PDB file of N, CA and C in Angstrom:
ATOM      1  N   MET A   1      -7.000  -7.166 -15.218  1.00  0.00           N
ATOM      2  CA  MET A   1      -7.029  -5.991 -14.377  1.00  0.00           C
ATOM      3  C   MET A   1      -6.986  -6.399 -12.909  1.00  0.00           C
ATOM      4  N   LEU A   2      -6.427  -5.524 -12.126  1.00  0.00           N
ATOM      5  CA  LEU A   2      -6.338  -5.729 -10.690  1.00  0.00           C
ATOM      6  C   LEU A   2      -7.582  -5.162 -10.026  1.00  0.00           C
ATOM      7  N   LEU A   3      -8.160  -5.921  -9.130  1.00  0.00           N
ATOM      8  CA  LEU A   3      -9.314  -5.470  -8.360  1.00  0.00           C
ATOM      9  C   LEU A   3      -8.796  -5.038  -6.997  1.00  0.00           C
ATOM     10  N   ILE A   4      -8.977  -3.752  -6.672  1.00  0.00           N
ATOM     11  CA  ILE A   4      -8.498  -3.207  -5.407  1.00  0.00           C
ATOM     12  C   ILE A   4      -9.699  -2.852  -4.553  1.00  0.00           C
ATOM     13  N   GLU A   5      -9.664  -3.290  -3.294  1.00  0.00           N
ATOM     14  CA  GLU A   5     -10.780  -3.009  -2.390  1.00  0.00           C
ATOM     15  C   GLU A   5     -10.512  -1.732  -1.610  1.00  0.00           C
ATOM     16  N   CYS A   6     -11.202  -0.671  -1.989  1.00  0.00           N
ATOM     17  CA  CYS A   6     -11.111   0.585  -1.244  1.00  0.00           C
ATOM     18  C   CYS A   6     -11.747   0.364   0.125  1.00  0.00           C
ATOM     19  N   PRO A   7     -11.088   0.779   1.214  1.00  0.00           N
ATOM     20  CA  PRO A   7     -11.682   0.577   2.533  1.00  0.00           C
ATOM     21  C   PRO A   7     -12.970   1.373   2.736  1.00  0.00           C
ATOM     22  N   ASN A   8     -13.228   2.362   1.873  1.00  0.00           N
ATOM     23  CA  ASN A   8     -14.427   3.191   1.997  1.00  0.00           C
ATOM     24  C   ASN A   8     -15.506   2.838   0.975  1.00  0.00           C
ATOM     25  N   CYS A   9     -15.109   2.448  -0.220  1.00  0.00           N
ATOM     26  CA  CYS A   9     -16.069   2.246  -1.323  1.00  0.00           C
ATOM     27  C   CYS A   9     -16.247   0.794  -1.743  1.00  0.00           C
ATOM     28  N   GLY A  10     -15.381  -0.099  -1.271  1.00  0.00           N
ATOM     29  CA  GLY A  10     -15.456  -1.492  -1.674  1.00  0.00           C
ATOM     30  C   GLY A  10     -14.597  -1.776  -2.895  1.00  0.00           C
ATOM     31  N   PRO A  11     -14.718  -2.965  -3.479  1.00  0.00           N
ATOM     32  CA  PRO A  11     -13.869  -3.366  -4.607  1.00  0.00           C
ATOM     33  C   PRO A  11     -14.138  -2.530  -5.861  1.00  0.00           C
ATOM     34  N   ARG A  12     -13.052  -2.065  -6.478  1.00  0.00           N
ATOM     35  CA  ARG A  12     -13.137  -1.283  -7.715  1.00  0.00           C
ATOM     36  C   ARG A  12     -11.962  -1.658  -8.611  1.00  0.00           C
ATOM     37  N   ASP A  13     -12.110  -1.399  -9.903  1.00  0.00           N
ATOM     38  CA  ASP A  13     -11.075  -1.661 -10.890  1.00  0.00           C
ATOM     39  C   ASP A  13      -9.859  -0.767 -10.640  1.00  0.00           C
ATOM     40  N   GLU A  14      -8.679  -1.290 -10.904  1.00  0.00           N
ATOM     41  CA  GLU A  14      -7.446  -0.547 -10.644  1.00  0.00           C
ATOM     42  C   GLU A  14      -7.356   0.781 -11.390  1.00  0.00           C
ATOM     43  N   THR A  15      -8.119   0.955 -12.468  1.00  0.00           N
ATOM     44  CA  THR A  15      -8.063   2.207 -13.220  1.00  0.00           C
ATOM     45  C   THR A  15      -8.629   3.386 -12.428  1.00  0.00           C
ATOM     46  N   GLU A  16      -9.336   3.115 -11.327  1.00  0.00           N
ATOM     47  CA  GLU A  16      -9.876   4.183 -10.483  1.00  0.00           C
ATOM     48  C   GLU A  16      -8.858   4.708  -9.469  1.00  0.00           C
ATOM     49  N   TYR A  17      -7.685   4.090  -9.400  1.00  0.00           N
ATOM     50  CA  TYR A  17      -6.705   4.411  -8.365  1.00  0.00           C
ATOM     51  C   TYR A  17      -5.437   5.021  -8.945  1.00  0.00           C
ATOM     52  N   HIS A  18      -4.719   5.738  -8.084  1.00  0.00           N
ATOM     53  CA  HIS A  18      -3.379   6.211  -8.388  1.00  0.00           C
ATOM     54  C   HIS A  18      -2.424   5.619  -7.366  1.00  0.00           C
ATOM     55  N   TYR A  19      -1.316   5.121  -7.871  1.00  0.00           N
ATOM     56  CA  TYR A  19      -0.281   4.552  -7.010  1.00  0.00           C
ATOM     57  C   TYR A  19       0.469   5.693  -6.336  1.00  0.00           C
ATOM     58  N   GLY A  20       0.725   5.585  -5.042  1.00  0.00           N
ATOM     59  CA  GLY A  20       1.375   6.659  -4.303  1.00  0.00           C
ATOM     60  C   GLY A  20       2.748   6.313  -3.770  1.00  0.00           C
ATOM     61  N   GLY A  21       3.316   5.200  -4.184  1.00  0.00           N
ATOM     62  CA  GLY A  21       4.655   4.847  -3.741  1.00  0.00           C
ATOM     63  C   GLY A  21       4.665   3.976  -2.506  1.00  0.00           C
ATOM     64  N   GLN A  22       5.855   3.855  -1.951  1.00  0.00           N
ATOM     65  CA  GLN A  22       6.072   2.999  -0.794  1.00  0.00           C
ATOM     66  C   GLN A  22       5.417   3.594   0.444  1.00  0.00           C
ATOM     67  N   ALA A  23       4.790   2.754   1.225  1.00  0.00           N
ATOM     68  CA  ALA A  23       4.176   3.174   2.490  1.00  0.00           C
ATOM     69  C   ALA A  23       5.205   3.146   3.606  1.00  0.00           C
ATOM     70  N   HIS A  24       4.911   3.842   4.678  1.00  0.00           N
ATOM     71  CA  HIS A  24       5.715   3.843   5.905  1.00  0.00           C
ATOM     72  C   HIS A  24       7.117   4.403   5.703  1.00  0.00           C
ATOM     73  N   VAL A  25       7.254   5.417   4.854  1.00  0.00           N
ATOM     74  CA  VAL A  25       8.538   6.086   4.676  1.00  0.00           C
ATOM     75  C   VAL A  25       8.561   7.288   5.617  1.00  0.00           C
ATOM     76  N   ALA A  26       9.490   7.287   6.538  1.00  0.00           N
ATOM     77  CA  ALA A  26       9.566   8.362   7.526  1.00  0.00           C
ATOM     78  C   ALA A  26      10.069   9.652   6.878  1.00  0.00           C
ATOM     79  N   TYR A  27       9.357  10.746   7.144  1.00  0.00           N
ATOM     80  CA  TYR A  27       9.763  12.058   6.656  1.00  0.00           C
ATOM     81  C   TYR A  27      10.996  12.497   7.433  1.00  0.00           C
ATOM     82  N   PRO A  28      11.983  13.107   6.773  1.00  0.00           N
ATOM     83  CA  PRO A  28      13.191  13.536   7.490  1.00  0.00           C
ATOM     84  C   PRO A  28      12.856  14.487   8.642  1.00  0.00           C
ATOM     85  N   GLU A  29      13.528  14.294   9.759  1.00  0.00           N
ATOM     86  CA  GLU A  29      13.265  15.102  10.948  1.00  0.00           C
ATOM     87  C   GLU A  29      13.567  16.582  10.710  1.00  0.00           C
ATOM     88  N   ASN A  30      14.664  16.863  10.020  1.00  0.00           N
ATOM     89  CA  ASN A  30      15.057  18.247   9.711  1.00  0.00           C
ATOM     90  C   ASN A  30      15.352  18.360   8.217  1.00  0.00           C
ATOM     91  N   PRO A  31      14.354  18.434   7.376  1.00  0.00           N
ATOM     92  CA  PRO A  31      14.592  18.423   5.931  1.00  0.00           C
ATOM     93  C   PRO A  31      15.433  19.598   5.437  1.00  0.00           C
ATOM     94  N   ALA A  32      15.370  20.744   6.107  1.00  0.00           N
ATOM     95  CA  ALA A  32      16.151  21.905   5.679  1.00  0.00           C
ATOM     96  C   ALA A  32      17.647  21.674   5.858  1.00  0.00           C
ATOM     97  N   GLU A  33      18.019  20.718   6.700  1.00  0.00           N
ATOM     98  CA  GLU A  33      19.430  20.437   6.948  1.00  0.00           C
ATOM     99  C   GLU A  33      20.013  19.403   5.990  1.00  0.00           C
ATOM    100  N   LEU A  34      19.177  18.811   5.150  1.00  0.00           N
ATOM    101  CA  LEU A  34      19.661  17.796   4.210  1.00  0.00           C
ATOM    102  C   LEU A  34      20.395  18.435   3.046  1.00  0.00           C
ATOM    103  N   THR A  35      21.420  17.751   2.573  1.00  0.00           N
ATOM    104  CA  THR A  35      22.088  18.192   1.349  1.00  0.00           C
ATOM    105  C   THR A  35      21.187  17.846   0.166  1.00  0.00           C
ATOM    106  N   ASP A  36      21.486  18.393  -0.994  1.00  0.00           N
ATOM    107  CA  ASP A  36      20.711  18.061  -2.189  1.00  0.00           C
ATOM    108  C   ASP A  36      20.754  16.564  -2.467  1.00  0.00           C
ATOM    109  N   SER A  37      21.903  15.960  -2.263  1.00  0.00           N
ATOM    110  CA  SER A  37      22.045  14.519  -2.495  1.00  0.00           C
ATOM    111  C   SER A  37      21.185  13.723  -1.519  1.00  0.00           C
ATOM    112  N   GLU A  38      21.208  14.108  -0.234  1.00  0.00           N
ATOM    113  CA  GLU A  38      20.392  13.410   0.762  1.00  0.00           C
ATOM    114  C   GLU A  38      18.900  13.585   0.481  1.00  0.00           C
ATOM    115  N   TRP A  39      18.496  14.780   0.078  1.00  0.00           N
ATOM    116  CA  TRP A  39      17.092  15.049  -0.224  1.00  0.00           C
ATOM    117  C   TRP A  39      16.640  14.229  -1.437  1.00  0.00           C
ATOM    118  N   SER A  40      17.481  14.159  -2.457  1.00  0.00           N
ATOM    119  CA  SER A  40      17.102  13.378  -3.645  1.00  0.00           C
ATOM    120  C   SER A  40      17.005  11.897  -3.318  1.00  0.00           C
ATOM    121  N   ARG A  41      17.873  11.414  -2.438  1.00  0.00           N
ATOM    122  CA  ARG A  41      17.776  10.011  -2.031  1.00  0.00           C
ATOM    123  C   ARG A  41      16.473   9.757  -1.294  1.00  0.00           C
ATOM    124  N   TYR A  42      16.054  10.677  -0.436  1.00  0.00           N
ATOM    125  CA  TYR A  42      14.781  10.531   0.259  1.00  0.00           C
ATOM    126  C   TYR A  42      13.612  10.528  -0.726  1.00  0.00           C
ATOM    127  N   LEU A  43      13.641  11.425  -1.689  1.00  0.00           N
ATOM    128  CA  LEU A  43      12.519  11.572  -2.623  1.00  0.00           C
ATOM    129  C   LEU A  43      12.427  10.456  -3.655  1.00  0.00           C
ATOM    130  N   PHE A  44      13.554  10.007  -4.173  1.00  0.00           N
ATOM    131  CA  PHE A  44      13.525   9.172  -5.368  1.00  0.00           C
ATOM    132  C   PHE A  44      14.057   7.755  -5.220  1.00  0.00           C
ATOM    133  N   TYR A  45      14.834   7.475  -4.225  1.00  0.00           N
ATOM    134  CA  TYR A  45      15.447   6.168  -4.129  1.00  0.00           C
ATOM    135  C   TYR A  45      14.642   5.270  -3.207  1.00  0.00           C
ATOM    136  N   ARG A  46      14.117   4.200  -3.772  1.00  0.00           N
ATOM    137  CA  ARG A  46      13.350   3.217  -3.006  1.00  0.00           C
ATOM    138  C   ARG A  46      13.790   1.816  -3.425  1.00  0.00           C
ATOM    139  N   LYS A  47      13.683   0.900  -2.505  1.00  0.00           N
ATOM    140  CA  LYS A  47      13.957  -0.492  -2.828  1.00  0.00           C
ATOM    141  C   LYS A  47      12.812  -1.024  -3.674  1.00  0.00           C
ATOM    142  N   ASN A  48      13.110  -1.987  -4.500  1.00  0.00           N
ATOM    143  CA  ASN A  48      12.112  -2.599  -5.368  1.00  0.00           C
ATOM    144  C   ASN A  48      12.138  -4.114  -5.128  1.00  0.00           C
ATOM    145  N   PRO A  49      11.646  -4.536  -3.954  1.00  0.00           N
ATOM    146  CA  PRO A  49      11.768  -5.946  -3.601  1.00  0.00           C
ATOM    147  C   PRO A  49      10.782  -6.837  -4.354  1.00  0.00           C
ATOM    148  N   LYS A  50      11.169  -8.080  -4.479  1.00  0.00           N
ATOM    149  CA  LYS A  50      10.252  -9.086  -5.003  1.00  0.00           C
ATOM    150  C   LYS A  50       9.560  -9.704  -3.799  1.00  0.00           C
ATOM    151  N   GLY A  51       8.230  -9.696  -3.821  1.00  0.00           N
ATOM    152  CA  GLY A  51       7.483 -10.247  -2.694  1.00  0.00           C
ATOM    153  C   GLY A  51       6.543  -9.214  -2.109  1.00  0.00           C
ATOM    154  N   ILE A  52       6.220  -9.350  -0.834  1.00  0.00           N
ATOM    155  CA  ILE A  52       5.253  -8.475  -0.164  1.00  0.00           C
ATOM    156  C   ILE A  52       5.855  -7.085   0.019  1.00  0.00           C
ATOM    157  N   PHE A  53       5.091  -6.079  -0.398  1.00  0.00           N
ATOM    158  CA  PHE A  53       5.560  -4.695  -0.376  1.00  0.00           C
ATOM    159  C   PHE A  53       4.417  -3.799   0.098  1.00  0.00           C
ATOM    160  N   ALA A  54       4.700  -2.906   1.037  1.00  0.00           N
ATOM    161  CA  ALA A  54       3.690  -1.974   1.549  1.00  0.00           C
ATOM    162  C   ALA A  54       3.631  -0.751   0.635  1.00  0.00           C
ATOM    163  N   GLU A  55       2.436  -0.464   0.112  1.00  0.00           N
ATOM    164  CA  GLU A  55       2.246   0.629  -0.847  1.00  0.00           C
ATOM    165  C   GLU A  55       1.136   1.563  -0.401  1.00  0.00           C
ATOM    166  N   ARG A  56       1.195   2.795  -0.894  1.00  0.00           N
ATOM    167  CA  ARG A  56       0.116   3.762  -0.677  1.00  0.00           C
ATOM    168  C   ARG A  56      -0.684   3.858  -1.975  1.00  0.00           C
ATOM    169  N   TRP A  57      -2.005   3.932  -1.841  1.00  0.00           N
ATOM    170  CA  TRP A  57      -2.894   4.066  -2.990  1.00  0.00           C
ATOM    171  C   TRP A  57      -3.919   5.158  -2.706  1.00  0.00           C
ATOM    172  N   ASN A  58      -4.351   5.832  -3.759  1.00  0.00           N
ATOM    173  CA  ASN A  58      -5.377   6.870  -3.658  1.00  0.00           C
ATOM    174  C   ASN A  58      -6.535   6.483  -4.566  1.00  0.00           C
ATOM    175  N   HIS A  59      -7.755   6.485  -4.019  1.00  0.00           N
ATOM    176  CA  HIS A  59      -8.937   6.169  -4.821  1.00  0.00           C
ATOM    177  C   HIS A  59      -9.381   7.446  -5.540  1.00  0.00           C
ATOM    178  N   ALA A  60      -8.676   7.780  -6.594  1.00  0.00           N
ATOM    179  CA  ALA A  60      -8.839   9.058  -7.301  1.00  0.00           C
ATOM    180  C   ALA A  60     -10.209   9.211  -7.950  1.00  0.00           C
ATOM    181  N   ALA A  61     -10.781   8.132  -8.453  1.00  0.00           N
ATOM    182  CA  ALA A  61     -12.068   8.219  -9.146  1.00  0.00           C
ATOM    183  C   ALA A  61     -13.237   7.863  -8.231  1.00  0.00           C
ATOM    184  N   GLY A  62     -12.964   7.786  -6.956  1.00  0.00           N
ATOM    185  CA  GLY A  62     -14.010   7.442  -5.987  1.00  0.00           C
ATOM    186  C   GLY A  62     -14.011   8.426  -4.840  1.00  0.00           C
ATOM    187  N   CYS A  63     -13.713   7.939  -3.649  1.00  0.00           N
ATOM    188  CA  CYS A  63     -13.768   8.767  -2.434  1.00  0.00           C
ATOM    189  C   CYS A  63     -12.573   9.715  -2.309  1.00  0.00           C
ATOM    190  N   ARG A  64     -11.545   9.527  -3.134  1.00  0.00           N
ATOM    191  CA  ARG A  64     -10.339  10.356  -3.164  1.00  0.00           C
ATOM    192  C   ARG A  64      -9.507  10.250  -1.887  1.00  0.00           C
ATOM    193  N   LYS A  65      -9.691   9.187  -1.132  1.00  0.00           N
ATOM    194  CA  LYS A  65      -8.938   8.997   0.104  1.00  0.00           C
ATOM    195  C   LYS A  65      -7.755   8.059  -0.123  1.00  0.00           C
ATOM    196  N   TRP A  66      -6.724   8.262   0.699  1.00  0.00           N
ATOM    197  CA  TRP A  66      -5.528   7.433   0.657  1.00  0.00           C
ATOM    198  C   TRP A  66      -5.674   6.251   1.609  1.00  0.00           C
ATOM    199  N   PHE A  67      -5.012   5.141   1.268  1.00  0.00           N
ATOM    200  CA  PHE A  67      -4.940   3.970   2.133  1.00  0.00           C
ATOM    201  C   PHE A  67      -3.680   3.197   1.783  1.00  0.00           C
ATOM    202  N   ASN A  68      -3.337   2.235   2.610  1.00  0.00           N
ATOM    203  CA  ASN A  68      -2.174   1.385   2.379  1.00  0.00           C
ATOM    204  C   ASN A  68      -2.611  -0.003   1.938  1.00  0.00           C
ATOM    205  N   ALA A  69      -1.737  -0.652   1.203  1.00  0.00           N
ATOM    206  CA  ALA A  69      -1.985  -2.028   0.773  1.00  0.00           C
ATOM    207  C   ALA A  69      -0.691  -2.822   0.855  1.00  0.00           C
ATOM    208  N   LEU A  70      -0.804  -4.078   1.234  1.00  0.00           N
ATOM    209  CA  LEU A  70       0.320  -5.004   1.130  1.00  0.00           C
ATOM    210  C   LEU A  70       0.078  -5.821  -0.129  1.00  0.00           C
ATOM    211  N   ARG A  71       1.009  -5.696  -1.095  1.00  0.00           N
ATOM    212  CA  ARG A  71       0.840  -6.354  -2.385  1.00  0.00           C
ATOM    213  C   ARG A  71       2.074  -7.177  -2.687  1.00  0.00           C
ATOM    214  N   ASP A  72       1.857  -8.360  -3.225  1.00  0.00           N
ATOM    215  CA  ASP A  72       2.949  -9.216  -3.653  1.00  0.00           C
ATOM    216  C   ASP A  72       3.386  -8.739  -5.034  1.00  0.00           C
ATOM    217  N   THR A  73       4.609  -8.242  -5.146  1.00  0.00           N
ATOM    218  CA  THR A  73       5.068  -7.675  -6.413  1.00  0.00           C
ATOM    219  C   THR A  73       5.327  -8.724  -7.485  1.00  0.00           C
ATOM    220  N   SER A  74       5.418  -9.997  -7.111  1.00  0.00           N
ATOM    221  CA  SER A  74       5.637 -11.038  -8.116  1.00  0.00           C
ATOM    222  C   SER A  74       4.322 -11.592  -8.680  1.00  0.00           C
ATOM    223  N   THR A  75       3.240 -11.517  -7.898  1.00  0.00           N
ATOM    224  CA  THR A  75       1.951 -12.043  -8.367  1.00  0.00           C
ATOM    225  C   THR A  75       0.879 -10.966  -8.513  1.00  0.00           C
ATOM    226  N   TYR A  76       1.166  -9.760  -8.016  1.00  0.00           N
ATOM    227  CA  TYR A  76       0.231  -8.621  -7.981  1.00  0.00           C
ATOM    228  C   TYR A  76      -0.920  -8.831  -6.998  1.00  0.00           C
ATOM    229  N   GLU A  77      -0.958  -9.942  -6.307  1.00  0.00           N
ATOM    230  CA  GLU A  77      -2.047 -10.222  -5.365  1.00  0.00           C
ATOM    231  C   GLU A  77      -1.964  -9.295  -4.159  1.00  0.00           C
ATOM    232  N   ILE A  78      -3.077  -8.666  -3.837  1.00  0.00           N
ATOM    233  CA  ILE A  78      -3.139  -7.804  -2.666  1.00  0.00           C
ATOM    234  C   ILE A  78      -3.439  -8.671  -1.455  1.00  0.00           C
ATOM    235  N   GLN A  79      -2.549  -8.600  -0.470  1.00  0.00           N
ATOM    236  CA  GLN A  79      -2.658  -9.432   0.726  1.00  0.00           C
ATOM    237  C   GLN A  79      -3.483  -8.765   1.819  1.00  0.00           C
ATOM    238  N   ALA A  80      -3.427  -7.423   1.905  1.00  0.00           N
ATOM    239  CA  ALA A  80      -4.147  -6.703   2.953  1.00  0.00           C
ATOM    240  C   ALA A  80      -4.319  -5.241   2.551  1.00  0.00           C
ATOM    241  N   ILE A  81      -5.421  -4.657   2.994  1.00  0.00           N
ATOM    242  CA  ILE A  81      -5.713  -3.227   2.821  1.00  0.00           C
ATOM    243  C   ILE A  81      -5.904  -2.659   4.222  1.00  0.00           C
ATOM    244  N   TYR A  82      -5.316  -1.496   4.487  1.00  0.00           N
ATOM    245  CA  TYR A  82      -5.469  -0.901   5.811  1.00  0.00           C
ATOM    246  C   TYR A  82      -5.334   0.618   5.732  1.00  0.00           C
ATOM    247  N   GLN A  83      -5.865   1.293   6.741  1.00  0.00           N
ATOM    248  CA  GLN A  83      -5.866   2.755   6.781  1.00  0.00           C
ATOM    249  C   GLN A  83      -4.464   3.290   7.053  1.00  0.00           C
ATOM    250  N   LEU A  84      -4.237   4.557   6.680  1.00  0.00           N
ATOM    251  CA  LEU A  84      -2.928   5.174   6.851  1.00  0.00           C
ATOM    252  C   LEU A  84      -2.486   5.230   8.309  1.00  0.00           C
ATOM    253  N   ASP A  85      -3.417   5.378   9.223  1.00  0.00           N
ATOM    254  CA  ASP A  85      -3.056   5.499  10.639  1.00  0.00           C
ATOM    255  C   ASP A  85      -2.963   4.145  11.348  1.00  0.00           C
ATOM    256  N   GLU A  86      -3.133   3.066  10.623  1.00  0.00           N
ATOM    257  CA  GLU A  86      -3.032   1.727  11.195  1.00  0.00           C
ATOM    258  C   GLU A  86      -1.632   1.160  10.952  1.00  0.00           C
ATOM    259  N   PRO A  87      -1.134   0.324  11.861  1.00  0.00           N
ATOM    260  CA  PRO A  87       0.171  -0.300  11.634  1.00  0.00           C
ATOM    261  C   PRO A  87       0.090  -1.337  10.515  1.00  0.00           C
ATOM    262  N   ARG A  88       1.227  -1.644   9.960  1.00  0.00           N
ATOM    263  CA  ARG A  88       1.295  -2.680   8.919  1.00  0.00           C
ATOM    264  C   ARG A  88       0.808  -3.996   9.502  1.00  0.00           C
ATOM    265  N   PRO A  89      -0.144  -4.654   8.836  1.00  0.00           N
ATOM    266  CA  PRO A  89      -0.670  -5.930   9.351  1.00  0.00           C
ATOM    267  C   PRO A  89       0.386  -7.032   9.348  1.00  0.00           C
ATOM    268  N   ASP A  90       0.267  -7.923  10.306  1.00  0.00           N
ATOM    269  CA  ASP A  90       1.119  -9.098  10.387  1.00  0.00           C
ATOM    270  C   ASP A  90       0.452 -10.190   9.548  1.00  0.00           C
ATOM    271  N   LEU A  91       1.056 -10.538   8.430  1.00  0.00           N
ATOM    272  CA  LEU A  91       0.449 -11.514   7.519  1.00  0.00           C
ATOM    273  C   LEU A  91       0.418 -12.925   8.095  1.00  0.00           C
ATOM    274  N   THR A  92       1.124 -13.152   9.185  1.00  0.00           N
ATOM    275  CA  THR A  92       1.116 -14.484   9.786  1.00  0.00           C
ATOM    276  C   THR A  92       0.015 -14.627  10.833  1.00  0.00           C
ATOM    277  N   SER A  93      -0.712 -13.541  11.124  1.00  0.00           N
ATOM    278  CA  SER A  93      -1.763 -13.630  12.146  1.00  0.00           C
ATOM    279  C   SER A  93      -2.900 -14.527  11.650  1.00  0.00           C
ATOM    280  N   PRO A  94      -3.478 -15.332  12.530  1.00  0.00           N
ATOM    281  CA  PRO A  94      -4.569 -16.230  12.142  1.00  0.00           C
ATOM    282  C   PRO A  94      -5.786 -15.478  11.605  1.00  0.00           C
ATOM    283  N   GLU A  95      -6.076 -14.285  12.167  1.00  0.00           N
ATOM    284  CA  GLU A  95      -7.239 -13.517  11.718  1.00  0.00           C
ATOM    285  C   GLU A  95      -7.089 -13.082  10.262  1.00  0.00           C
ATOM    286  N   LEU A  96      -5.894 -12.608   9.907  1.00  0.00           N
ATOM    287  CA  LEU A  96      -5.662 -12.151   8.531  1.00  0.00           C
ATOM    288  C   LEU A  96      -5.638 -13.326   7.559  1.00  0.00           C
ATOM    289  N   ALA A  97      -5.064 -14.431   7.966  1.00  0.00           N
ATOM    290  CA  ALA A  97      -5.056 -15.620   7.105  1.00  0.00           C
ATOM    291  C   ALA A  97      -6.482 -16.082   6.824  1.00  0.00           C
ATOM    292  N   GLN A  98      -7.328 -16.069   7.839  1.00  0.00           N
ATOM    293  CA  GLN A  98      -8.733 -16.458   7.669  1.00  0.00           C
ATOM    294  C   GLN A  98      -9.460 -15.479   6.749  1.00  0.00           C
ATOM    295  N   ALA A  99      -9.224 -14.191   6.919  1.00  0.00           N
ATOM    296  CA  ALA A  99      -9.878 -13.177   6.083  1.00  0.00           C
ATOM    297  C   ALA A  99      -9.471 -13.327   4.622  1.00  0.00           C
ATOM    298  N   ARG A 100      -8.191 -13.647   4.365  1.00  0.00           N
ATOM    299  CA  ARG A 100      -7.738 -13.823   2.979  1.00  0.00           C
ATOM    300  C   ARG A 100      -8.409 -15.028   2.335  1.00  0.00           C
ATOM    301  N   GLN A 101      -8.651 -16.080   3.104  1.00  0.00           N
ATOM    302  CA  GLN A 101      -9.307 -17.275   2.561  1.00  0.00           C
ATOM    303  C   GLN A 101     -10.762 -17.011   2.216  1.00  0.00           C
ATOM    304  N   ASN A 102     -11.384 -16.042   2.863  1.00  0.00           N
ATOM    305  CA  ASN A 102     -12.819 -15.761   2.664  1.00  0.00           C
ATOM    306  C   ASN A 102     -13.099 -14.774   1.554  1.00  0.00           C
ATOM    307  N   THR A 103     -12.098 -14.268   0.838  1.00  0.00           N
ATOM    308  CA  THR A 103     -12.323 -13.336  -0.262  1.00  0.00           C
ATOM    309  C   THR A 103     -12.055 -14.030  -1.580  1.00  0.00           C
ATOM    310  N   PRO A 104     -12.817 -13.681  -2.633  1.00  0.00           N
ATOM    311  CA  PRO A 104     -12.671 -14.374  -3.914  1.00  0.00           C
ATOM    312  C   PRO A 104     -11.298 -14.200  -4.549  1.00  0.00           C
ATOM    313  N   GLU A 105     -10.656 -13.047  -4.399  1.00  0.00           N
ATOM    314  CA  GLU A 105      -9.364 -12.808  -5.034  1.00  0.00           C
ATOM    315  C   GLU A 105      -8.208 -13.226  -4.149  1.00  0.00           C
ATOM    316  N   GLY A 106      -8.495 -13.636  -2.921  1.00  0.00           N
ATOM    317  CA  GLY A 106      -7.448 -13.996  -1.997  1.00  0.00           C
ATOM    318  C   GLY A 106      -6.926 -12.818  -1.214  1.00  0.00           C
ATOM    319  N   GLY A 107      -7.320 -11.620  -1.548  1.00  0.00           N
ATOM    320  CA  GLY A 107      -6.885 -10.426  -0.828  1.00  0.00           C
ATOM    321  C   GLY A 107      -7.679 -10.250   0.434  1.00  0.00           C
ATOM    322  N   ALA A 108      -7.251  -9.325   1.249  1.00  0.00           N
ATOM    323  CA  ALA A 108      -7.953  -9.107   2.512  1.00  0.00           C
ATOM    324  C   ALA A 108      -8.110  -7.630   2.779  1.00  0.00           C
ATOM    325  N   ARG A 109      -8.970  -7.331   3.664  1.00  0.00           N
ATOM    326  CA  ARG A 109      -9.152  -5.962   4.097  1.00  0.00           C
ATOM    327  C   ARG A 109      -8.962  -5.868   5.573  1.00  0.00           C
TER     328      ARG A 109
END
């Protein structure tokens, strides 16, 4: 099982969460002007990269709040957890590298 650290409740089992898709997807500026094809591409088409991927998660069985996570899709390891209003963390920063080394699962908050 994956251990996910909720920024509000602390580490919890992945069964307490719901996956919310890719993070940082910009909402269309004028959605009423989109064709059906353009709207469906916005709603359903996402890249599925191997490696670090920014995701949205909801702690459904806990505080019920949303947050973002950077997760490695090849190892499932969570690299960073951050609030929705925070920018995507730079994984090369010395502070984040140090924080990842200090957690048992290698993930960071």
